[in-house]
Amino acid sequence: MILDRVKPLDAILATAQKKSLHRSLGAIQLMLFGIGCIIGTGIFVLTAAGAQKAGPGLMLAFVIAGAVCIVAALCYAEIAAMIPVAGSAYTYSYATMGEFLAWTVGWALILEYAIAASAVSVGWSGYFTGTILNEFMGIYLPQWLSAGPLALGGAEGGFINLPALVIALLVTWLLMIGTSESAKVNAVLVAIKVTALTAFIGLTLTSAYFDPDQFNPFLPAGVFGGFGTGVGAVGAAATIFFAYVGFDAVSTAAEETKNPQRNVPIGLVGSLLFCTVFYILVAAGAIGTIGGQPIMGPNGIPFPAGSEELARQCALPAYSSALVCSDEALAHVLRQIGFSGIGNMLGIAAFLALPSVILVLLFAQTRIFFVMSRDGLLPEGLSKVHPKWKTPYVVTAITGVIVAVAAAFFPVGQLADIANAGTLYAFLMVAVAVMLLRKTDPDRKRDFRTPALWLVGPATILGCAFLFLNLPFEAMLVLPIWTAIGLVIYFVYSRGNSHLGRGIVEVVDDVAGEETMIPIHPDKPRD
């Protein structure tokens, strides 16, 4: 049977039980932690792409994406508190739905984190070229060195996004040699991000340039642009869902939280609601001051974000200052309304903060790869640890090169859509896993129980599926193609080399680096 290999949950929890983490976090601390994890990449990078898809309806898009995230977060919290070990949704699936489906989830997570890191690299490139080079140094990189090629929708005249390539390789090198973020440095970067966006909201909403007429029409492409089009408020929600990724970090802190039944949902829902309101105010400030209407094609549908057609329109004088044409949207808005100095400071904030996001995404991707390799599903040479640096340098180097190449040749909006496809699939499977565990193991200790799971679980599944079907058709197509490649690898290599299939469960602790080796009883059938 293809679905028979389920990793024993007791074996997975054996490692987690060795931890003695102190429960010290309260609801407010969790909420602040979540806000710091969520705010960053998406709002700095994808505001222009979202406006091109939905116009002022971008504000509604943030509400739709935030609502899906809230129900997904509640599902994530229960299972993360139960299984607080390495591997994220991959490990959860392994313990509930078996190796085959766990493989598809892990394979999707590899895509998600790698492509997301590429998207952030491209976003960083926009702020680096626009703020650091153009505004401060008076250096203007030629288009062919600062944008991806036309293939698959790059910017006109582009050949390679050199800054994105360089930052991805630099962060990869730092990760390989073992350089980790300092908690204090990260806290400073979070403070810089939140302060910069708060200043943006205050300056734009109180500006003399703010004009309510800029919001008319509010939904130029409608609420629902149609499956596979990626436009309208729902299509924009499918893209800017990327702006919320990171909330799952809150759920991983469940075992360190005082009274998790009360404080975890407050932390999760509170941080998501705060960020949703924050994002809506940022969108309102940007659109209300310089406008955010999409550039329409001849058929009355917005040109695809990052497309050759949009690049041609943006090159025209009439659209040169449009929000939807900017690679550094928020800094651009402030410059347009007379706050160039503060706009440049906001650009510097993004320039400083985004590399840390790339590092976290690359770290997460390589650790998923690492755990799958240690399970025998990928060649074990990939999990080789460097004798000096003590990091999985082989898989980190491979991942970094792929991330850098994708960043060099693809536009940010397209990368975000592809990353979201993998994320939405993983979140959907987490909701399925939570509901399955409630049926198959109802007596298991749960530090946090998802409230009204009969409603929240199906809402997560339907919400993730709905957003997936509203991604651009090309982005939707990437996931099944990637999955098909993964299935070939699974049946050709992974299934025969799986440790579980060979009768051994190996658990790698993500904190202590300890292993638990548990043989499966030889009298029981394994395959």
Protein backbone atom coordinates (compact mmCIF):
# COMPACT_ATOMS: atom_id res chain seq x y z
CA MET A 1 0.00 0.00 0.00
CA ILE A 2 1.31 3.42 -0.96
CA LEU A 3 -0.08 5.13 2.17
CA ASP A 4 1.00 2.52 4.71
CA ARG A 5 4.25 4.06 5.94
CA VAL A 6 3.27 6.27 8.86
CA LYS A 7 6.05 7.33 11.22
CA PRO A 8 5.08 6.53 14.84
CA LEU A 9 4.15 9.73 16.62
CA ASP A 10 5.64 8.40 19.86
CA ALA A 11 9.01 8.08 18.12
CA ILE A 12 8.84 11.65 16.86
CA LEU A 13 7.86 12.95 20.30
CA ALA A 14 10.63 10.99 22.02
CA THR A 15 13.10 13.67 21.05
CA ALA A 16 10.82 16.59 21.86
CA GLN A 17 10.28 15.23 25.36
CA LYS A 18 14.01 15.56 26.05
CA LYS A 19 13.63 19.32 25.86
CA SER A 20 12.82 21.12 29.06
CA LEU A 21 11.77 24.50 27.69
CA HIS A 22 10.54 26.99 30.24
CA ARG A 23 7.02 28.34 29.77
CA SER A 24 7.60 32.06 30.01
CA LEU A 25 5.83 33.77 27.10
CA GLY A 26 2.58 35.66 27.57
CA ALA A 27 -0.03 36.71 25.03
CA ILE A 28 1.45 40.18 24.40
CA GLN A 29 4.97 38.78 23.95
CA LEU A 30 3.65 36.24 21.46
CA MET A 31 1.74 38.93 19.59
CA LEU A 32 4.81 41.17 19.33
CA PHE A 33 6.88 38.19 18.20
CA GLY A 34 4.32 37.46 15.49
CA ILE A 35 4.21 41.05 14.30
CA GLY A 36 7.99 41.06 13.97
CA CYS A 37 7.94 37.83 11.96
CA ILE A 38 5.12 38.84 9.64
CA ILE A 39 5.84 42.49 8.80
CA GLY A 40 8.56 42.86 6.26
CA THR A 41 9.01 41.29 2.88
CA GLY A 42 5.55 41.37 1.38
CA ILE A 43 4.55 44.90 2.29
CA PHE A 44 7.87 46.39 1.18
CA VAL A 45 8.06 44.38 -2.03
CA LEU A 46 4.60 43.42 -3.29
CA THR A 47 2.54 46.59 -2.87
CA ALA A 48 3.10 47.55 -6.52
CA ALA A 49 2.31 44.07 -7.86
CA GLY A 50 -0.83 43.88 -5.71
CA ALA A 51 -2.04 47.29 -6.90
CA GLN A 52 -1.53 46.24 -10.53
CA LYS A 53 -3.80 43.25 -9.93
CA ALA A 54 -6.54 44.92 -7.87
CA GLY A 55 -6.05 48.71 -7.78
CA PRO A 56 -7.48 50.20 -4.55
CA GLY A 57 -9.06 46.77 -4.02
CA LEU A 58 -5.63 45.81 -2.67
CA MET A 59 -7.05 46.84 0.71
CA LEU A 60 -9.74 44.15 0.41
CA ALA A 61 -7.09 41.68 -0.75
CA PHE A 62 -5.24 42.09 2.55
CA VAL A 63 -8.45 41.25 4.43
CA ILE A 64 -9.05 38.09 2.35
CA ALA A 65 -5.48 36.83 2.70
CA GLY A 66 -5.44 37.66 6.42
CA ALA A 67 -8.67 35.72 7.03
CA VAL A 68 -7.23 32.59 5.38
CA CYS A 69 -4.07 32.98 7.46
CA ILE A 70 -6.02 33.22 10.73
CA VAL A 71 -7.81 29.88 10.27
CA ALA A 72 -4.60 28.24 8.99
CA ALA A 73 -2.69 29.60 11.98
CA LEU A 74 -5.14 28.06 14.45
CA CYS A 75 -4.66 24.65 12.82
CA TYR A 76 -0.91 25.12 12.77
CA ALA A 77 -0.86 25.98 16.49
CA GLU A 78 -2.43 22.73 17.64
CA ILE A 79 -0.15 20.42 15.70
CA ALA A 80 3.00 22.48 16.30
CA ALA A 81 2.37 22.32 20.05
CA MET A 82 1.88 18.53 19.81
CA ILE A 83 4.89 17.83 17.58
CA PRO A 84 7.49 20.52 18.40
CA VAL A 85 10.36 19.04 16.35
CA ALA A 86 12.20 19.77 13.14
CA GLY A 87 10.52 19.38 9.77
CA SER A 88 7.43 21.58 10.08
CA ALA A 89 4.46 20.41 7.97
CA TYR A 90 6.57 17.61 6.51
CA THR A 91 7.00 15.97 9.93
CA TYR A 92 3.34 16.53 10.82
CA SER A 93 2.25 14.81 7.60
CA TYR A 94 4.66 11.92 8.17
CA ALA A 95 3.06 11.22 11.56
CA THR A 96 -0.52 11.37 10.31
CA MET A 97 -0.86 10.67 6.58
CA GLY A 98 2.26 8.65 5.89
CA GLU A 99 5.49 8.90 3.97
CA PHE A 100 4.07 9.37 0.48
CA LEU A 101 2.00 12.45 1.29
CA ALA A 102 4.72 13.70 3.64
CA TRP A 103 7.11 13.56 0.70
CA THR A 104 4.78 15.75 -1.39
CA VAL A 105 4.52 18.26 1.47
CA GLY A 106 8.27 18.34 2.06
CA TRP A 107 8.89 18.67 -1.67
CA ALA A 108 6.43 21.61 -1.80
CA LEU A 109 8.12 23.25 1.22
CA ILE A 110 11.48 23.03 -0.54
CA LEU A 111 9.92 24.93 -3.46
CA GLU A 112 8.20 27.42 -1.14
CA TYR A 113 11.22 28.48 0.89
CA ALA A 114 13.67 28.55 -2.02
CA ILE A 115 11.43 30.60 -4.30
CA ALA A 116 10.42 32.89 -1.43
CA ALA A 117 14.10 33.58 -0.76
CA SER A 118 14.49 34.43 -4.46
CA ALA A 119 11.52 36.80 -4.29
CA VAL A 120 12.95 38.64 -1.29
CA SER A 121 16.32 38.88 -3.06
CA VAL A 122 14.63 40.56 -6.03
CA GLY A 123 12.75 42.89 -3.66
CA TRP A 124 16.00 43.81 -1.93
CA SER A 125 17.55 44.53 -5.33
CA GLY A 126 14.85 47.13 -6.05
CA TYR A 127 15.61 49.05 -2.86
CA PHE A 128 19.37 48.69 -3.32
CA THR A 129 19.35 50.07 -6.86
CA GLY A 130 16.67 52.71 -6.21
CA THR A 131 17.77 54.04 -2.82
CA ILE A 132 21.42 53.16 -2.25
CA LEU A 133 22.75 53.46 -5.79
CA ASN A 134 20.42 56.01 -7.40
CA GLU A 135 19.55 58.34 -4.53
CA PHE A 136 22.74 58.25 -2.45
CA MET A 137 25.51 57.42 -4.89
CA GLY A 138 24.12 58.76 -8.15
CA ILE A 139 24.89 55.45 -9.86
CA TYR A 140 22.36 54.08 -12.33
CA LEU A 141 22.73 50.42 -13.25
CA PRO A 142 21.71 49.71 -16.85
CA GLN A 143 18.42 47.86 -17.23
CA TRP A 144 20.15 44.72 -18.46
CA LEU A 145 22.06 44.45 -15.15
CA SER A 146 19.17 45.21 -12.79
CA ALA A 147 16.24 43.16 -14.12
CA GLY A 148 15.54 39.62 -15.25
CA PRO A 149 15.10 38.81 -18.95
CA LEU A 150 11.87 38.93 -20.91
CA ALA A 151 11.38 35.17 -20.79
CA LEU A 152 8.36 34.23 -18.64
CA GLY A 153 7.46 37.83 -18.02
CA GLY A 154 10.61 39.70 -17.04
CA ALA A 155 11.13 43.43 -17.44
CA GLU A 156 11.84 44.83 -20.89
CA GLY A 157 15.53 45.11 -21.71
CA GLY A 158 16.57 42.93 -18.78
CA PHE A 159 19.31 40.33 -18.95
CA ILE A 160 20.26 39.57 -15.33
CA ASN A 161 19.35 41.01 -11.93
CA LEU A 162 22.90 41.25 -10.66
CA PRO A 163 22.19 42.73 -7.18
CA ALA A 164 19.63 39.96 -6.48
CA LEU A 165 22.13 37.32 -7.58
CA VAL A 166 24.87 38.77 -5.39
CA ILE A 167 22.77 39.14 -2.20
CA ALA A 168 21.45 35.56 -2.52
CA LEU A 169 24.97 34.16 -2.87
CA LEU A 170 26.28 36.33 -0.04
CA VAL A 171 23.58 35.17 2.39
CA THR A 172 24.20 31.57 1.30
CA TRP A 173 27.89 31.95 2.12
CA LEU A 174 27.08 33.41 5.54
CA LEU A 175 24.71 30.52 6.23
CA MET A 176 27.32 27.97 5.15
CA ILE A 177 30.03 29.27 7.45
CA GLY A 178 27.62 29.25 10.37
CA THR A 179 26.94 32.96 10.83
CA SER A 180 23.60 33.26 12.60
CA GLU A 181 21.43 36.24 13.37
CA SER A 182 21.81 37.82 16.76
CA ALA A 183 18.48 38.10 18.56
CA LYS A 184 19.38 41.67 19.49
CA VAL A 185 20.21 42.62 15.89
CA ASN A 186 16.97 41.03 14.73
CA ALA A 187 15.00 42.99 17.35
CA VAL A 188 16.59 46.22 16.09
CA LEU A 189 15.68 45.35 12.50
CA VAL A 190 12.08 44.65 13.52
CA ALA A 191 11.93 48.02 15.29
CA ILE A 192 13.32 49.73 12.18
CA LYS A 193 10.70 48.06 9.95
CA VAL A 194 7.75 48.92 12.18
CA THR A 195 8.95 52.50 12.76
CA ALA A 196 9.47 53.07 9.02
CA LEU A 197 6.01 51.79 8.13
CA THR A 198 4.38 53.76 10.96
CA ALA A 199 6.04 56.92 9.65
CA PHE A 200 4.83 56.07 6.15
CA ILE A 201 1.23 55.72 7.35
CA GLY A 202 1.36 58.99 9.30
CA LEU A 203 2.91 61.01 6.47
CA THR A 204 0.69 59.71 3.69
CA LEU A 205 -2.69 59.72 5.44
CA THR A 206 -2.18 63.29 6.70
CA SER A 207 -0.60 64.58 3.50
CA ALA A 208 -2.14 67.38 1.46
CA TYR A 209 -1.73 65.05 -1.52
CA PHE A 210 -4.19 62.54 -0.03
CA ASP A 211 -7.30 62.51 -2.22
CA PRO A 212 -10.28 60.16 -1.65
CA ASP A 213 -11.01 60.30 -5.39
CA GLN A 214 -7.91 58.16 -5.93
CA PHE A 215 -9.95 55.19 -4.64
CA ASN A 216 -12.51 55.45 -7.44
CA PRO A 217 -13.06 52.95 -8.96
CA PHE A 218 -12.31 50.83 -5.93
CA LEU A 219 -12.40 47.49 -7.77
CA PRO A 220 -11.34 48.23 -11.36
CA ALA A 221 -10.72 44.53 -12.03
CA GLY A 222 -13.59 43.30 -9.85
CA VAL A 223 -13.52 41.14 -6.74
CA PHE A 224 -13.06 37.90 -8.61
CA GLY A 225 -11.03 38.11 -11.80
CA GLY A 226 -11.56 34.47 -12.73
CA PHE A 227 -9.62 31.28 -12.08
CA GLY A 228 -6.10 31.38 -13.43
CA THR A 229 -6.11 35.10 -14.25
CA GLY A 230 -4.45 36.29 -11.03
CA VAL A 231 -6.30 39.63 -11.12
CA GLY A 232 -9.07 41.23 -9.07
CA ALA A 233 -9.12 41.50 -5.28
CA VAL A 234 -8.99 37.71 -4.83
CA GLY A 235 -6.15 37.36 -7.36
CA ALA A 236 -4.22 40.06 -5.49
CA ALA A 237 -4.96 38.25 -2.21
CA ALA A 238 -3.38 35.09 -3.65
CA THR A 239 -0.21 37.10 -4.37
CA ILE A 240 0.04 39.22 -1.23
CA PHE A 241 -0.62 36.11 0.90
CA PHE A 242 3.18 36.18 0.75
CA ALA A 243 3.09 39.23 3.04
CA TYR A 244 1.70 37.11 5.89
CA VAL A 245 4.05 34.14 5.70
CA GLY A 246 5.98 33.94 8.96
CA PHE A 247 3.05 33.69 11.36
CA ASP A 248 3.77 29.97 11.78
CA ALA A 249 6.79 31.01 13.83
CA VAL A 250 4.32 31.97 16.58
CA SER A 251 2.85 28.47 16.64
CA THR A 252 6.31 26.95 17.11
CA ALA A 253 6.59 28.85 20.40
CA ALA A 254 3.51 27.12 21.84
CA GLU A 255 5.51 24.87 24.17
CA GLU A 256 7.24 27.90 25.69
CA THR A 257 4.00 29.75 26.33
CA LYS A 258 2.23 30.17 29.64
CA ASN A 259 -1.40 28.98 29.46
CA PRO A 260 -1.15 28.11 25.74
CA GLN A 261 -4.88 27.36 25.43
CA ARG A 262 -5.53 31.06 26.00
CA ASN A 263 -2.35 32.83 24.92
CA VAL A 264 -1.54 31.06 21.64
CA PRO A 265 -4.78 32.05 19.86
CA ILE A 266 -4.47 35.58 21.24
CA GLY A 267 -0.89 35.81 19.95
CA LEU A 268 -1.71 34.32 16.55
CA VAL A 269 -4.99 36.08 15.82
CA GLY A 270 -3.84 39.31 17.47
CA SER A 271 -0.64 39.57 15.41
CA LEU A 272 -2.49 38.72 12.19
CA LEU A 273 -5.26 41.25 12.87
CA PHE A 274 -2.72 43.95 13.75
CA CYS A 275 -0.74 43.27 10.57
CA THR A 276 -3.90 43.23 8.44
CA VAL A 277 -4.94 46.67 9.74
CA PHE A 278 -1.34 47.89 9.33
CA TYR A 279 -1.21 46.64 5.75
CA ILE A 280 -4.58 48.21 4.88
CA LEU A 281 -3.39 51.59 6.22
CA VAL A 282 -0.15 51.34 4.22
CA ALA A 283 -2.13 50.52 1.06
CA ALA A 284 -4.55 53.37 1.77
CA GLY A 285 -1.70 55.83 2.23
CA ALA A 286 0.06 54.76 -0.95
CA ILE A 287 -3.05 54.72 -3.14
CA GLY A 288 -4.65 57.81 -1.60
CA THR A 289 -1.62 59.98 -2.34
CA ILE A 290 -0.29 58.99 -5.78
CA GLY A 291 -3.03 56.64 -6.93
CA GLY A 292 -2.91 52.91 -7.45
CA GLN A 293 -5.10 52.20 -10.45
CA PRO A 294 -3.79 49.30 -12.55
CA ILE A 295 -2.61 49.83 -16.12
CA MET A 296 -5.27 48.17 -18.22
CA GLY A 297 -4.76 46.13 -21.36
CA PRO A 298 -6.89 46.56 -24.49
CA ASN A 299 -9.36 43.94 -23.22
CA GLY A 300 -10.04 45.85 -20.00
CA ILE A 301 -7.99 43.41 -17.88
CA PRO A 302 -4.86 44.65 -16.05
CA PHE A 303 -1.56 43.78 -17.71
CA PRO A 304 0.08 40.94 -15.73
CA ALA A 305 2.42 42.20 -13.01
CA GLY A 306 6.03 41.81 -14.12
CA SER A 307 5.07 41.24 -17.75
CA GLU A 308 6.71 42.56 -20.90
CA GLU A 309 3.52 44.47 -21.76
CA LEU A 310 3.47 46.23 -18.38
CA ALA A 311 7.18 47.05 -18.68
CA ARG A 312 6.52 48.76 -22.02
CA GLN A 313 3.71 50.85 -20.51
CA CYS A 314 5.84 51.80 -17.50
CA ALA A 315 8.53 53.09 -19.86
CA LEU A 316 6.08 55.70 -21.19
CA PRO A 317 6.22 59.19 -19.62
CA ALA A 318 2.54 58.98 -18.64
CA TYR A 319 3.24 56.11 -16.24
CA SER A 320 6.81 56.83 -15.15
CA SER A 321 5.73 57.82 -11.62
CA ALA A 322 2.91 55.28 -11.23
CA LEU A 323 2.81 53.17 -8.07
CA VAL A 324 2.39 49.96 -10.07
CA CYS A 325 5.63 50.63 -11.98
CA SER A 326 7.91 51.05 -8.98
CA ASP A 327 10.44 48.48 -7.76
CA GLU A 328 10.55 50.18 -4.32
CA ALA A 329 6.93 51.22 -3.96
CA LEU A 330 6.80 52.75 -0.48
CA ALA A 331 9.98 54.80 -0.79
CA HIS A 332 8.76 55.92 -4.23
CA VAL A 333 5.44 57.17 -2.77
CA LEU A 334 7.18 59.33 -0.17
CA ARG A 335 9.49 60.84 -2.78
CA GLN A 336 6.51 61.70 -4.96
CA ILE A 337 4.80 63.67 -2.17
CA GLY A 338 7.85 65.66 -1.11
CA PHE A 339 9.38 63.48 1.59
CA SER A 340 12.44 62.30 -0.31
CA GLY A 341 14.66 62.15 2.77
CA ILE A 342 12.21 60.01 4.73
CA GLY A 343 11.54 57.94 1.60
CA ASN A 344 15.24 57.24 1.37
CA MET A 345 15.33 56.29 5.05
CA LEU A 346 12.49 53.83 4.41
CA GLY A 347 14.48 52.44 1.49
CA ILE A 348 17.48 52.00 3.80
CA ALA A 349 15.23 50.20 6.32
CA ALA A 350 14.22 47.71 3.63
CA PHE A 351 17.83 47.45 2.43
CA LEU A 352 18.95 46.54 5.97
CA ALA A 353 16.05 44.30 6.99
CA LEU A 354 15.41 42.14 3.92
CA PRO A 355 18.73 40.19 3.94
CA SER A 356 17.82 38.80 7.36
CA VAL A 357 14.56 37.53 5.86
CA ILE A 358 16.50 35.83 3.04
CA LEU A 359 18.69 34.17 5.67
CA VAL A 360 15.69 32.85 7.64
CA LEU A 361 14.02 31.49 4.49
CA LEU A 362 17.22 29.82 3.28
CA PHE A 363 17.79 28.37 6.76
CA ALA A 364 14.26 26.92 6.82
CA GLN A 365 14.59 25.46 3.31
CA THR A 366 17.91 23.78 3.98
CA ARG A 367 16.64 22.32 7.27
CA ILE A 368 13.61 20.77 5.53
CA PHE A 369 16.00 19.35 2.93
CA PHE A 370 18.29 18.22 5.76
CA VAL A 371 15.56 16.37 7.67
CA MET A 372 14.30 14.64 4.51
CA SER A 373 17.87 13.57 3.76
CA ARG A 374 18.32 12.22 7.30
CA ASP A 375 15.08 10.23 6.80
CA GLY A 376 16.70 8.59 3.77
CA LEU A 377 14.25 10.16 1.30
CA LEU A 378 17.05 12.19 -0.30
CA PRO A 379 20.71 11.17 -0.71
CA GLU A 380 22.36 11.23 2.70
CA GLY A 381 25.38 13.02 1.24
CA LEU A 382 23.18 16.12 1.14
CA SER A 383 23.02 16.12 4.94
CA LYS A 384 26.79 16.05 5.33
CA VAL A 385 27.88 18.49 8.03
CA HIS A 386 31.05 20.53 7.51
CA PRO A 387 33.75 19.53 10.06
CA LYS A 388 34.68 23.14 10.81
CA TRP A 389 31.51 25.16 10.18
CA LYS A 390 29.12 22.53 11.65
CA THR A 391 26.50 23.33 9.01
CA PRO A 392 24.88 21.20 6.25
CA TYR A 393 27.07 22.94 3.68
CA VAL A 394 26.32 20.71 0.66
CA VAL A 395 22.58 21.27 0.63
CA THR A 396 23.05 24.93 1.60
CA ALA A 397 25.36 25.54 -1.36
CA ILE A 398 23.03 23.77 -3.82
CA THR A 399 20.01 25.67 -2.50
CA GLY A 400 21.82 29.01 -2.58
CA VAL A 401 22.86 28.64 -6.21
CA ILE A 402 19.30 27.74 -7.27
CA VAL A 403 17.89 30.67 -5.27
CA ALA A 404 20.43 33.05 -6.80
CA VAL A 405 19.70 31.91 -10.36
CA ALA A 406 15.93 32.29 -9.87
CA ALA A 407 16.44 35.75 -8.37
CA ALA A 408 18.64 36.76 -11.28
CA PHE A 409 16.12 35.94 -13.99
CA PHE A 410 12.54 36.19 -12.64
CA PRO A 411 10.39 39.16 -11.49
CA VAL A 412 9.35 39.42 -7.85
CA GLY A 413 5.58 39.07 -8.38
CA GLN A 414 5.94 35.86 -10.33
CA LEU A 415 8.31 34.40 -7.75
CA ALA A 416 5.91 35.27 -4.91
CA ASP A 417 3.03 33.56 -6.73
CA ILE A 418 5.09 30.37 -7.19
CA ALA A 419 6.17 30.41 -3.53
CA ASN A 420 2.56 30.87 -2.45
CA ALA A 421 1.50 27.79 -4.40
CA GLY A 422 3.77 25.61 -2.25
CA THR A 423 2.78 27.41 0.96
CA LEU A 424 -0.95 27.04 0.36
CA TYR A 425 -0.57 23.30 -0.30
CA ALA A 426 1.44 22.83 2.90
CA PHE A 427 -1.08 24.80 4.99
CA LEU A 428 -3.96 22.80 3.51
CA MET A 429 -2.23 19.54 4.46
CA VAL A 430 -1.62 20.79 8.01
CA ALA A 431 -5.37 21.34 8.41
CA VAL A 432 -6.02 17.80 7.15
CA ALA A 433 -3.40 16.42 9.57
CA VAL A 434 -4.98 18.20 12.56
CA MET A 435 -8.43 16.80 11.77
CA LEU A 436 -7.03 13.29 11.19
CA LEU A 437 -5.20 13.32 14.53
CA ARG A 438 -8.37 14.34 16.34
CA LYS A 439 -9.99 11.18 14.96
CA THR A 440 -7.08 8.71 15.17
CA ASP A 441 -5.50 9.89 18.43
CA PRO A 442 -8.14 11.83 20.39
CA ASP A 443 -6.55 11.15 23.80
CA ARG A 444 -3.14 12.59 22.93
CA LYS A 445 -2.12 15.51 25.16
CA ARG A 446 -2.71 18.81 23.38
CA ASP A 447 -1.29 21.98 24.92
CA PHE A 448 -3.44 23.91 22.50
CA ARG A 449 -6.69 22.80 20.86
CA THR A 450 -7.95 24.54 17.74
CA PRO A 451 -11.34 26.03 18.65
CA ALA A 452 -14.31 24.90 16.54
CA LEU A 453 -12.12 22.61 14.43
CA TRP A 454 -15.22 21.35 12.62
CA LEU A 455 -15.41 24.86 11.11
CA VAL A 456 -11.81 26.09 11.19
CA GLY A 457 -10.33 22.96 9.55
CA PRO A 458 -12.59 22.91 6.47
CA ALA A 459 -12.37 26.73 6.23
CA THR A 460 -8.57 26.43 6.04
CA ILE A 461 -8.75 23.76 3.34
CA LEU A 462 -11.30 25.68 1.26
CA GLY A 463 -9.55 29.03 1.77
CA CYS A 464 -6.14 27.70 0.70
CA ALA A 465 -7.64 25.88 -2.30
CA PHE A 466 -9.58 29.01 -3.32
CA LEU A 467 -6.51 31.25 -3.18
CA PHE A 468 -4.47 28.65 -5.07
CA LEU A 469 -7.06 28.62 -7.87
CA ASN A 470 -6.82 32.41 -8.07
CA LEU A 471 -3.09 32.47 -8.66
CA PRO A 472 -2.01 33.16 -12.25
CA PHE A 473 -2.31 30.01 -14.35
CA GLU A 474 1.47 29.80 -14.83
CA ALA A 475 2.05 29.81 -11.06
CA MET A 476 -0.63 27.16 -10.53
CA LEU A 477 1.04 24.99 -13.15
CA VAL A 478 4.42 25.07 -11.40
CA LEU A 479 3.21 23.09 -8.35
CA PRO A 480 1.88 20.01 -10.23
CA ILE A 481 4.97 20.00 -12.47
CA TRP A 482 7.24 20.27 -9.43
CA THR A 483 5.20 17.55 -7.69
CA ALA A 484 5.47 15.26 -10.74
CA ILE A 485 9.26 15.66 -10.68
CA GLY A 486 9.19 14.87 -6.97
CA LEU A 487 7.10 11.73 -7.48
CA VAL A 488 9.58 10.40 -10.03
CA ILE A 489 12.38 10.94 -7.48
CA TYR A 490 10.30 9.33 -4.74
CA PHE A 491 9.52 6.13 -6.64
CA VAL A 492 12.93 5.84 -8.31
CA TYR A 493 15.05 6.61 -5.23
CA SER A 494 13.32 7.69 -2.02
CA ARG A 495 10.87 4.86 -1.40
CA GLY A 496 13.58 2.23 -1.67
CA ASN A 497 16.06 4.13 0.51
CA SER A 498 13.65 5.36 3.18
CA HIS A 499 14.80 4.63 6.70
CA LEU A 500 11.21 3.95 7.74
CA GLY A 501 10.84 1.48 4.88
CA ARG A 502 14.04 -0.25 6.02
CA GLY A 503 12.70 -0.59 9.55
CA ILE A 504 14.37 2.31 11.38
CA VAL A 505 12.86 5.51 12.68
CA GLU A 506 15.41 8.28 13.06
CA VAL A 507 14.46 11.51 14.77
CA VAL A 508 16.72 14.55 14.65
CA ASP A 509 16.17 17.15 17.33
CA ASP A 510 16.25 20.67 15.96
CA VAL A 511 17.56 22.17 19.20
CA ALA A 512 19.99 19.71 20.72
CA GLY A 513 21.01 17.87 17.56
CA GLU A 514 20.32 14.53 19.28
CA GLU A 515 19.11 11.39 17.56
CA THR A 516 16.70 8.71 18.67
CA MET A 517 17.02 5.41 16.84
CA ILE A 518 13.96 3.19 17.24
CA PRO A 519 13.75 -0.13 15.32
CA ILE A 520 10.36 -1.19 14.07
CA HIS A 521 9.34 -4.65 15.28
CA PRO A 522 10.62 -7.14 12.68
CA ASP A 523 7.44 -9.22 12.86
CA LYS A 524 5.33 -6.33 11.62
CA PRO A 525 5.01 -5.77 7.87
CA ARG A 526 6.77 -2.64 6.69
CA ASP A 527 5.91 -2.39 3.06
